[in-house]
Amino acid sequence: LNSPLKIAITGSHGQLGHALQHGPHPTNWHIRGFTRQTLDITQDNMSLIMDFKPDIMINAAAYTQVDQAEQHQSEAYAVNCIG
C-alpha cells in the first residue's frame, strides 16, 4: 500500500487497544486511538469516527472487571455486546 491506511481503535487505553495502537506497524499507517472518554461506544455518537473516516475500525473496548460486571450488568452488556 502506498496510500496511508487509516485505522481507528476503540478502547485504546486497555491492554489490547494499547498494544494495537503502539505496536510495530508500517509507517504509512495512521492509527488513531479512542478512549472511553473520547468515544463512548455505548452511545450513538459516531461523529469522531465519521470525521476520521477510517479504512479499518477495530473495537478493542471491553468491560473486563468480572466482579463489577455482576454488579453493573446493564453497563457490561452495553459495552461488551451492544458497543
PDB file of N, CA and C in Angstrom:
ATOM      1  N   LEU A   1       0.825  -1.184   0.000  1.00  0.00           N
ATOM      2  CA  LEU A   1       0.000   0.000   0.000  1.00  0.00           C
ATOM      3  C   LEU A   1       0.871   1.249   0.000  1.00  0.00           C
ATOM      4  N   ASN A   2       0.639   2.110  -0.955  1.00  0.00           N
ATOM      5  CA  ASN A   2       1.366   3.364  -0.981  1.00  0.00           C
ATOM      6  C   ASN A   2       0.599   4.471  -0.298  1.00  0.00           C
ATOM      7  N   SER A   3      -0.730   4.424  -0.372  1.00  0.00           N
ATOM      8  CA  SER A   3      -1.530   5.450   0.281  1.00  0.00           C
ATOM      9  C   SER A   3      -1.677   5.104   1.757  1.00  0.00           C
ATOM     10  N   PRO A   4      -1.815   6.123   2.592  1.00  0.00           N
ATOM     11  CA  PRO A   4      -1.945   5.880   4.032  1.00  0.00           C
ATOM     12  C   PRO A   4      -3.192   5.059   4.352  1.00  0.00           C
ATOM     13  N   LEU A   5      -3.036   4.138   5.281  1.00  0.00           N
ATOM     14  CA  LEU A   5      -4.145   3.331   5.760  1.00  0.00           C
ATOM     15  C   LEU A   5      -4.579   3.907   7.095  1.00  0.00           C
ATOM     16  N   LYS A   6      -5.840   4.314   7.193  1.00  0.00           N
ATOM     17  CA  LYS A   6      -6.347   4.930   8.418  1.00  0.00           C
ATOM     18  C   LYS A   6      -7.071   3.865   9.255  1.00  0.00           C
ATOM     19  N   ILE A   7      -6.604   3.710  10.498  1.00  0.00           N
ATOM     20  CA  ILE A   7      -7.152   2.694  11.390  1.00  0.00           C
ATOM     21  C   ILE A   7      -7.624   3.364  12.674  1.00  0.00           C
ATOM     22  N   ALA A   8      -8.871   3.095  13.050  1.00  0.00           N
ATOM     23  CA  ALA A   8      -9.431   3.590  14.304  1.00  0.00           C
ATOM     24  C   ALA A   8      -9.502   2.430  15.285  1.00  0.00           C
ATOM     25  N   ILE A   9      -9.089   2.687  16.539  1.00  0.00           N
ATOM     26  CA  ILE A   9      -9.111   1.659  17.574  1.00  0.00           C
ATOM     27  C   ILE A   9      -9.858   2.198  18.783  1.00  0.00           C
ATOM     28  N   THR A  10     -10.954   1.530  19.145  1.00  0.00           N
ATOM     29  CA  THR A  10     -11.650   1.893  20.381  1.00  0.00           C
ATOM     30  C   THR A  10     -11.002   1.135  21.531  1.00  0.00           C
ATOM     31  N   GLY A  11     -11.166   1.655  22.733  1.00  0.00           N
ATOM     32  CA  GLY A  11     -10.562   1.009  23.901  1.00  0.00           C
ATOM     33  C   GLY A  11      -9.049   1.123  23.910  1.00  0.00           C
ATOM     34  N   SER A  12      -8.536   2.240  23.435  1.00  0.00           N
ATOM     35  CA  SER A  12      -7.090   2.376  23.250  1.00  0.00           C
ATOM     36  C   SER A  12      -6.293   2.483  24.545  1.00  0.00           C
ATOM     37  N   HIS A  13      -6.951   2.669  25.687  1.00  0.00           N
ATOM     38  CA  HIS A  13      -6.226   2.671  26.959  1.00  0.00           C
ATOM     39  C   HIS A  13      -6.186   1.296  27.597  1.00  0.00           C
ATOM     40  N   GLY A  14      -6.941   0.348  27.045  1.00  0.00           N
ATOM     41  CA  GLY A  14      -6.914  -1.023  27.540  1.00  0.00           C
ATOM     42  C   GLY A  14      -5.662  -1.736  27.060  1.00  0.00           C
ATOM     43  N   GLN A  15      -5.435  -2.922  27.594  1.00  0.00           N
ATOM     44  CA  GLN A  15      -4.222  -3.679  27.261  1.00  0.00           C
ATOM     45  C   GLN A  15      -4.155  -4.004  25.761  1.00  0.00           C
ATOM     46  N   LEU A  16      -5.225  -4.525  25.204  1.00  0.00           N
ATOM     47  CA  LEU A  16      -5.230  -4.877  23.784  1.00  0.00           C
ATOM     48  C   LEU A  16      -5.185  -3.630  22.904  1.00  0.00           C
ATOM     49  N   GLY A  17      -6.029  -2.649  23.207  1.00  0.00           N
ATOM     50  CA  GLY A  17      -6.053  -1.428  22.415  1.00  0.00           C
ATOM     51  C   GLY A  17      -4.715  -0.716  22.392  1.00  0.00           C
ATOM     52  N   HIS A  18      -4.061  -0.669  23.550  1.00  0.00           N
ATOM     53  CA  HIS A  18      -2.738  -0.032  23.641  1.00  0.00           C
ATOM     54  C   HIS A  18      -1.717  -0.778  22.791  1.00  0.00           C
ATOM     55  N   ALA A  19      -1.734  -2.103  22.877  1.00  0.00           N
ATOM     56  CA  ALA A  19      -0.782  -2.903  22.094  1.00  0.00           C
ATOM     57  C   ALA A  19      -1.011  -2.715  20.600  1.00  0.00           C
ATOM     58  N   LEU A  20      -2.265  -2.687  20.188  1.00  0.00           N
ATOM     59  CA  LEU A  20      -2.562  -2.480  18.768  1.00  0.00           C
ATOM     60  C   LEU A  20      -2.143  -1.095  18.294  1.00  0.00           C
ATOM     61  N   GLN A  21      -2.358  -0.103  19.133  1.00  0.00           N
ATOM     62  CA  GLN A  21      -2.050   1.274  18.741  1.00  0.00           C
ATOM     63  C   GLN A  21      -0.552   1.547  18.727  1.00  0.00           C
ATOM     64  N   HIS A  22       0.168   0.984  19.679  1.00  0.00           N
ATOM     65  CA  HIS A  22       1.581   1.344  19.829  1.00  0.00           C
ATOM     66  C   HIS A  22       2.546   0.253  19.384  1.00  0.00           C
ATOM     67  N   GLY A  23       2.010  -0.854  18.925  1.00  0.00           N
ATOM     68  CA  GLY A  23       2.880  -1.926  18.448  1.00  0.00           C
ATOM     69  C   GLY A  23       3.516  -1.564  17.113  1.00  0.00           C
ATOM     70  N   PRO A  24       4.400  -2.408  16.636  1.00  0.00           N
ATOM     71  CA  PRO A  24       5.041  -2.103  15.347  1.00  0.00           C
ATOM     72  C   PRO A  24       4.024  -2.166  14.200  1.00  0.00           C
ATOM     73  N   HIS A  25       4.124  -1.217  13.313  1.00  0.00           N
ATOM     74  CA  HIS A  25       3.268  -1.170  12.137  1.00  0.00           C
ATOM     75  C   HIS A  25       3.963  -0.351  11.062  1.00  0.00           C
ATOM     76  N   PRO A  26       3.547  -0.537   9.808  1.00  0.00           N
ATOM     77  CA  PRO A  26       4.170   0.231   8.722  1.00  0.00           C
ATOM     78  C   PRO A  26       4.004   1.732   8.938  1.00  0.00           C
ATOM     79  N   THR A  27       4.953   2.473   8.438  1.00  0.00           N
ATOM     80  CA  THR A  27       4.957   3.924   8.644  1.00  0.00           C
ATOM     81  C   THR A  27       3.817   4.628   7.923  1.00  0.00           C
ATOM     82  N   ASN A  28       3.229   3.999   6.908  1.00  0.00           N
ATOM     83  CA  ASN A  28       2.134   4.665   6.189  1.00  0.00           C
ATOM     84  C   ASN A  28       0.771   4.365   6.827  1.00  0.00           C
ATOM     85  N   TRP A  29       0.745   3.745   7.989  1.00  0.00           N
ATOM     86  CA  TRP A  29      -0.498   3.542   8.724  1.00  0.00           C
ATOM     87  C   TRP A  29      -0.725   4.726   9.650  1.00  0.00           C
ATOM     88  N   HIS A  30      -1.901   5.304   9.601  1.00  0.00           N
ATOM     89  CA  HIS A  30      -2.285   6.379  10.510  1.00  0.00           C
ATOM     90  C   HIS A  30      -3.281   5.771  11.490  1.00  0.00           C
ATOM     91  N   ILE A  31      -2.808   5.534  12.717  1.00  0.00           N
ATOM     92  CA  ILE A  31      -3.641   4.891  13.728  1.00  0.00           C
ATOM     93  C   ILE A  31      -4.114   5.937  14.724  1.00  0.00           C
ATOM     94  N   ARG A  32      -5.427   5.945  14.967  1.00  0.00           N
ATOM     95  CA  ARG A  32      -5.991   6.866  15.963  1.00  0.00           C
ATOM     96  C   ARG A  32      -6.740   6.051  16.998  1.00  0.00           C
ATOM     97  N   GLY A  33      -6.328   6.232  18.249  1.00  0.00           N
ATOM     98  CA  GLY A  33      -6.974   5.524  19.346  1.00  0.00           C
ATOM     99  C   GLY A  33      -8.054   6.369  19.988  1.00  0.00           C
ATOM    100  N   PHE A  34      -9.121   5.707  20.377  1.00  0.00           N
ATOM    101  CA  PHE A  34     -10.225   6.362  21.063  1.00  0.00           C
ATOM    102  C   PHE A  34     -10.402   5.703  22.430  1.00  0.00           C
ATOM    103  N   THR A  35     -10.409   6.510  23.465  1.00  0.00           N
ATOM    104  CA  THR A  35     -10.615   6.018  24.822  1.00  0.00           C
ATOM    105  C   THR A  35     -12.091   6.130  25.184  1.00  0.00           C
ATOM    106  N   ARG A  36     -12.453   5.617  26.333  1.00  0.00           N
ATOM    107  CA  ARG A  36     -13.833   5.751  26.813  1.00  0.00           C
ATOM    108  C   ARG A  36     -14.206   7.218  26.953  1.00  0.00           C
ATOM    109  N   GLN A  37     -13.230   8.054  27.314  1.00  0.00           N
ATOM    110  CA  GLN A  37     -13.505   9.476  27.496  1.00  0.00           C
ATOM    111  C   GLN A  37     -13.718  10.203  26.158  1.00  0.00           C
ATOM    112  N   THR A  38     -13.029   9.760  25.118  1.00  0.00           N
ATOM    113  CA  THR A  38     -13.164  10.441  23.830  1.00  0.00           C
ATOM    114  C   THR A  38     -14.266   9.858  22.957  1.00  0.00           C
ATOM    115  N   LEU A  39     -14.604   8.576  23.164  1.00  0.00           N
ATOM    116  CA  LEU A  39     -15.659   7.943  22.380  1.00  0.00           C
ATOM    117  C   LEU A  39     -16.318   6.846  23.213  1.00  0.00           C
ATOM    118  N   ASP A  40     -17.529   7.098  23.641  1.00  0.00           N
ATOM    119  CA  ASP A  40     -18.293   6.121  24.407  1.00  0.00           C
ATOM    120  C   ASP A  40     -19.044   5.240  23.420  1.00  0.00           C
ATOM    121  N   ILE A  41     -18.614   3.988  23.272  1.00  0.00           N
ATOM    122  CA  ILE A  41     -19.213   3.110  22.265  1.00  0.00           C
ATOM    123  C   ILE A  41     -20.634   2.683  22.616  1.00  0.00           C
ATOM    124  N   THR A  42     -21.076   2.973  23.829  1.00  0.00           N
ATOM    125  CA  THR A  42     -22.443   2.623  24.202  1.00  0.00           C
ATOM    126  C   THR A  42     -23.437   3.709  23.795  1.00  0.00           C
ATOM    127  N   GLN A  43     -22.947   4.814  23.307  1.00  0.00           N
ATOM    128  CA  GLN A  43     -23.793   5.923  22.872  1.00  0.00           C
ATOM    129  C   GLN A  43     -23.805   5.996  21.343  1.00  0.00           C
ATOM    130  N   ASP A  44     -24.843   6.526  20.815  1.00  0.00           N
ATOM    131  CA  ASP A  44     -24.956   6.673  19.372  1.00  0.00           C
ATOM    132  C   ASP A  44     -24.335   8.010  18.957  1.00  0.00           C
ATOM    133  N   ASN A  45     -23.022   8.105  19.119  1.00  0.00           N
ATOM    134  CA  ASN A  45     -22.304   9.328  18.787  1.00  0.00           C
ATOM    135  C   ASN A  45     -21.030   8.935  18.057  1.00  0.00           C
ATOM    136  N   MET A  46     -21.146   8.757  16.773  1.00  0.00           N
ATOM    137  CA  MET A  46     -20.014   8.298  15.991  1.00  0.00           C
ATOM    138  C   MET A  46     -19.379   9.424  15.175  1.00  0.00           C
ATOM    139  N   SER A  47     -19.646  10.670  15.556  1.00  0.00           N
ATOM    140  CA  SER A  47     -19.129  11.788  14.768  1.00  0.00           C
ATOM    141  C   SER A  47     -17.607  11.806  14.724  1.00  0.00           C
ATOM    142  N   LEU A  48     -16.931  11.423  15.811  1.00  0.00           N
ATOM    143  CA  LEU A  48     -15.465  11.394  15.788  1.00  0.00           C
ATOM    144  C   LEU A  48     -14.946  10.379  14.774  1.00  0.00           C
ATOM    145  N   ILE A  49     -15.613   9.230  14.726  1.00  0.00           N
ATOM    146  CA  ILE A  49     -15.217   8.202  13.761  1.00  0.00           C
ATOM    147  C   ILE A  49     -15.502   8.692  12.344  1.00  0.00           C
ATOM    148  N   MET A  50     -16.653   9.271  12.146  1.00  0.00           N
ATOM    149  CA  MET A  50     -17.019   9.747  10.816  1.00  0.00           C
ATOM    150  C   MET A  50     -16.081  10.865  10.355  1.00  0.00           C
ATOM    151  N   ASP A  51     -15.642  11.704  11.272  1.00  0.00           N
ATOM    152  CA  ASP A  51     -14.699  12.771  10.919  1.00  0.00           C
ATOM    153  C   ASP A  51     -13.334  12.193  10.523  1.00  0.00           C
ATOM    154  N   PHE A  52     -12.914  11.131  11.211  1.00  0.00           N
ATOM    155  CA  PHE A  52     -11.617  10.499  10.937  1.00  0.00           C
ATOM    156  C   PHE A  52     -11.659   9.682   9.641  1.00  0.00           C
ATOM    157  N   LYS A  53     -12.794   9.092   9.325  1.00  0.00           N
ATOM    158  CA  LYS A  53     -13.000   8.286   8.122  1.00  0.00           C
ATOM    159  C   LYS A  53     -11.984   7.146   7.994  1.00  0.00           C
ATOM    160  N   PRO A  54     -12.007   6.210   8.950  1.00  0.00           N
ATOM    161  CA  PRO A  54     -11.030   5.122   8.905  1.00  0.00           C
ATOM    162  C   PRO A  54     -11.327   4.117   7.796  1.00  0.00           C
ATOM    163  N   ASP A  55     -10.271   3.486   7.317  1.00  0.00           N
ATOM    164  CA  ASP A  55     -10.404   2.369   6.388  1.00  0.00           C
ATOM    165  C   ASP A  55     -10.740   1.090   7.160  1.00  0.00           C
ATOM    166  N   ILE A  56     -10.223   1.020   8.384  1.00  0.00           N
ATOM    167  CA  ILE A  56     -10.429  -0.138   9.259  1.00  0.00           C
ATOM    168  C   ILE A  56     -10.791   0.360  10.645  1.00  0.00           C
ATOM    169  N   MET A  57     -11.752  -0.301  11.258  1.00  0.00           N
ATOM    170  CA  MET A  57     -12.133   0.022  12.638  1.00  0.00           C
ATOM    171  C   MET A  57     -11.956  -1.234  13.473  1.00  0.00           C
ATOM    172  N   ILE A  58     -11.220  -1.110  14.579  1.00  0.00           N
ATOM    173  CA  ILE A  58     -11.004  -2.225  15.498  1.00  0.00           C
ATOM    174  C   ILE A  58     -11.629  -1.857  16.831  1.00  0.00           C
ATOM    175  N   ASN A  59     -12.565  -2.674  17.282  1.00  0.00           N
ATOM    176  CA  ASN A  59     -13.203  -2.444  18.574  1.00  0.00           C
ATOM    177  C   ASN A  59     -12.494  -3.293  19.626  1.00  0.00           C
ATOM    178  N   ALA A  60     -11.612  -2.652  20.399  1.00  0.00           N
ATOM    179  CA  ALA A  60     -10.899  -3.336  21.470  1.00  0.00           C
ATOM    180  C   ALA A  60     -11.457  -2.950  22.834  1.00  0.00           C
ATOM    181  N   ALA A  61     -12.554  -2.213  22.845  1.00  0.00           N
ATOM    182  CA  ALA A  61     -13.180  -1.806  24.102  1.00  0.00           C
ATOM    183  C   ALA A  61     -13.896  -3.002  24.718  1.00  0.00           C
ATOM    184  N   ALA A  62     -13.792  -3.129  26.030  1.00  0.00           N
ATOM    185  CA  ALA A  62     -14.469  -4.227  26.727  1.00  0.00           C
ATOM    186  C   ALA A  62     -14.612  -3.904  28.197  1.00  0.00           C
ATOM    187  N   TYR A  63     -15.668  -4.427  28.782  1.00  0.00           N
ATOM    188  CA  TYR A  63     -15.865  -4.354  30.232  1.00  0.00           C
ATOM    189  C   TYR A  63     -15.286  -5.647  30.766  1.00  0.00           C
ATOM    190  N   THR A  64     -14.134  -5.581  31.415  1.00  0.00           N
ATOM    191  CA  THR A  64     -13.394  -6.798  31.772  1.00  0.00           C
ATOM    192  C   THR A  64     -13.357  -7.112  33.264  1.00  0.00           C
ATOM    193  N   GLN A  65     -13.862  -6.247  34.088  1.00  0.00           N
ATOM    194  CA  GLN A  65     -13.819  -6.486  35.535  1.00  0.00           C
ATOM    195  C   GLN A  65     -15.029  -7.346  35.918  1.00  0.00           C
ATOM    196  N   VAL A  66     -14.797  -8.653  36.019  1.00  0.00           N
ATOM    197  CA  VAL A  66     -15.875  -9.624  36.182  1.00  0.00           C
ATOM    198  C   VAL A  66     -16.705  -9.356  37.434  1.00  0.00           C
ATOM    199  N   ASP A  67     -16.074  -9.103  38.557  1.00  0.00           N
ATOM    200  CA  ASP A  67     -16.824  -8.857  39.792  1.00  0.00           C
ATOM    201  C   ASP A  67     -17.726  -7.638  39.665  1.00  0.00           C
ATOM    202  N   GLN A  68     -17.204  -6.574  39.070  1.00  0.00           N
ATOM    203  CA  GLN A  68     -18.015  -5.371  38.889  1.00  0.00           C
ATOM    204  C   GLN A  68     -19.093  -5.581  37.827  1.00  0.00           C
ATOM    205  N   ALA A  69     -18.813  -6.419  36.844  1.00  0.00           N
ATOM    206  CA  ALA A  69     -19.805  -6.683  35.804  1.00  0.00           C
ATOM    207  C   ALA A  69     -21.050  -7.337  36.397  1.00  0.00           C
ATOM    208  N   GLU A  70     -20.871  -8.142  37.429  1.00  0.00           N
ATOM    209  CA  GLU A  70     -22.025  -8.755  38.093  1.00  0.00           C
ATOM    210  C   GLU A  70     -22.876  -7.700  38.790  1.00  0.00           C
ATOM    211  N   GLN A  71     -22.251  -6.669  39.288  1.00  0.00           N
ATOM    212  CA  GLN A  71     -22.964  -5.590  39.960  1.00  0.00           C
ATOM    213  C   GLN A  71     -23.552  -4.583  38.967  1.00  0.00           C
ATOM    214  N   HIS A  72     -22.926  -4.453  37.820  1.00  0.00           N
ATOM    215  CA  HIS A  72     -23.328  -3.469  36.803  1.00  0.00           C
ATOM    216  C   HIS A  72     -23.612  -4.186  35.480  1.00  0.00           C
ATOM    217  N   GLN A  73     -24.558  -5.084  35.504  1.00  0.00           N
ATOM    218  CA  GLN A  73     -24.826  -5.935  34.349  1.00  0.00           C
ATOM    219  C   GLN A  73     -25.229  -5.156  33.101  1.00  0.00           C
ATOM    220  N   SER A  74     -26.060  -4.152  33.256  1.00  0.00           N
ATOM    221  CA  SER A  74     -26.511  -3.419  32.063  1.00  0.00           C
ATOM    222  C   SER A  74     -25.361  -2.654  31.400  1.00  0.00           C
ATOM    223  N   GLU A  75     -24.470  -2.092  32.221  1.00  0.00           N
ATOM    224  CA  GLU A  75     -23.307  -1.380  31.661  1.00  0.00           C
ATOM    225  C   GLU A  75     -22.367  -2.352  30.967  1.00  0.00           C
ATOM    226  N   ALA A  76     -22.106  -3.502  31.590  1.00  0.00           N
ATOM    227  CA  ALA A  76     -21.236  -4.507  30.988  1.00  0.00           C
ATOM    228  C   ALA A  76     -21.821  -5.022  29.668  1.00  0.00           C
ATOM    229  N   TYR A  77     -23.127  -5.244  29.654  1.00  0.00           N
ATOM    230  CA  TYR A  77     -23.802  -5.688  28.435  1.00  0.00           C
ATOM    231  C   TYR A  77     -23.709  -4.631  27.340  1.00  0.00           C
ATOM    232  N   ALA A  78     -23.900  -3.390  27.711  1.00  0.00           N
ATOM    233  CA  ALA A  78     -23.846  -2.299  26.734  1.00  0.00           C
ATOM    234  C   ALA A  78     -22.470  -2.215  26.075  1.00  0.00           C
ATOM    235  N   VAL A  79     -21.419  -2.366  26.869  1.00  0.00           N
ATOM    236  CA  VAL A  79     -20.053  -2.280  26.328  1.00  0.00           C
ATOM    237  C   VAL A  79     -19.700  -3.530  25.535  1.00  0.00           C
ATOM    238  N   ASN A  80     -19.923  -4.712  26.120  1.00  0.00           N
ATOM    239  CA  ASN A  80     -19.437  -5.959  25.518  1.00  0.00           C
ATOM    240  C   ASN A  80     -20.342  -6.516  24.417  1.00  0.00           C
ATOM    241  N   CYS A  81     -21.597  -6.160  24.402  1.00  0.00           N
ATOM    242  CA  CYS A  81     -22.495  -6.724  23.387  1.00  0.00           C
ATOM    243  C   CYS A  81     -22.990  -5.682  22.391  1.00  0.00           C
ATOM    244  N   ILE A  82     -23.507  -4.596  22.894  1.00  0.00           N
ATOM    245  CA  ILE A  82     -24.091  -3.593  22.004  1.00  0.00           C
ATOM    246  C   ILE A  82     -23.018  -2.734  21.348  1.00  0.00           C
ATOM    247  N   GLY A  83     -22.045  -2.296  22.136  1.00  0.00           N
ATOM    248  CA  GLY A  83     -20.992  -1.415  21.616  1.00  0.00           C
ATOM    249  C   GLY A  83     -20.224  -2.030  20.497  1.00  0.00           C
TER     250      GLY A  83
END
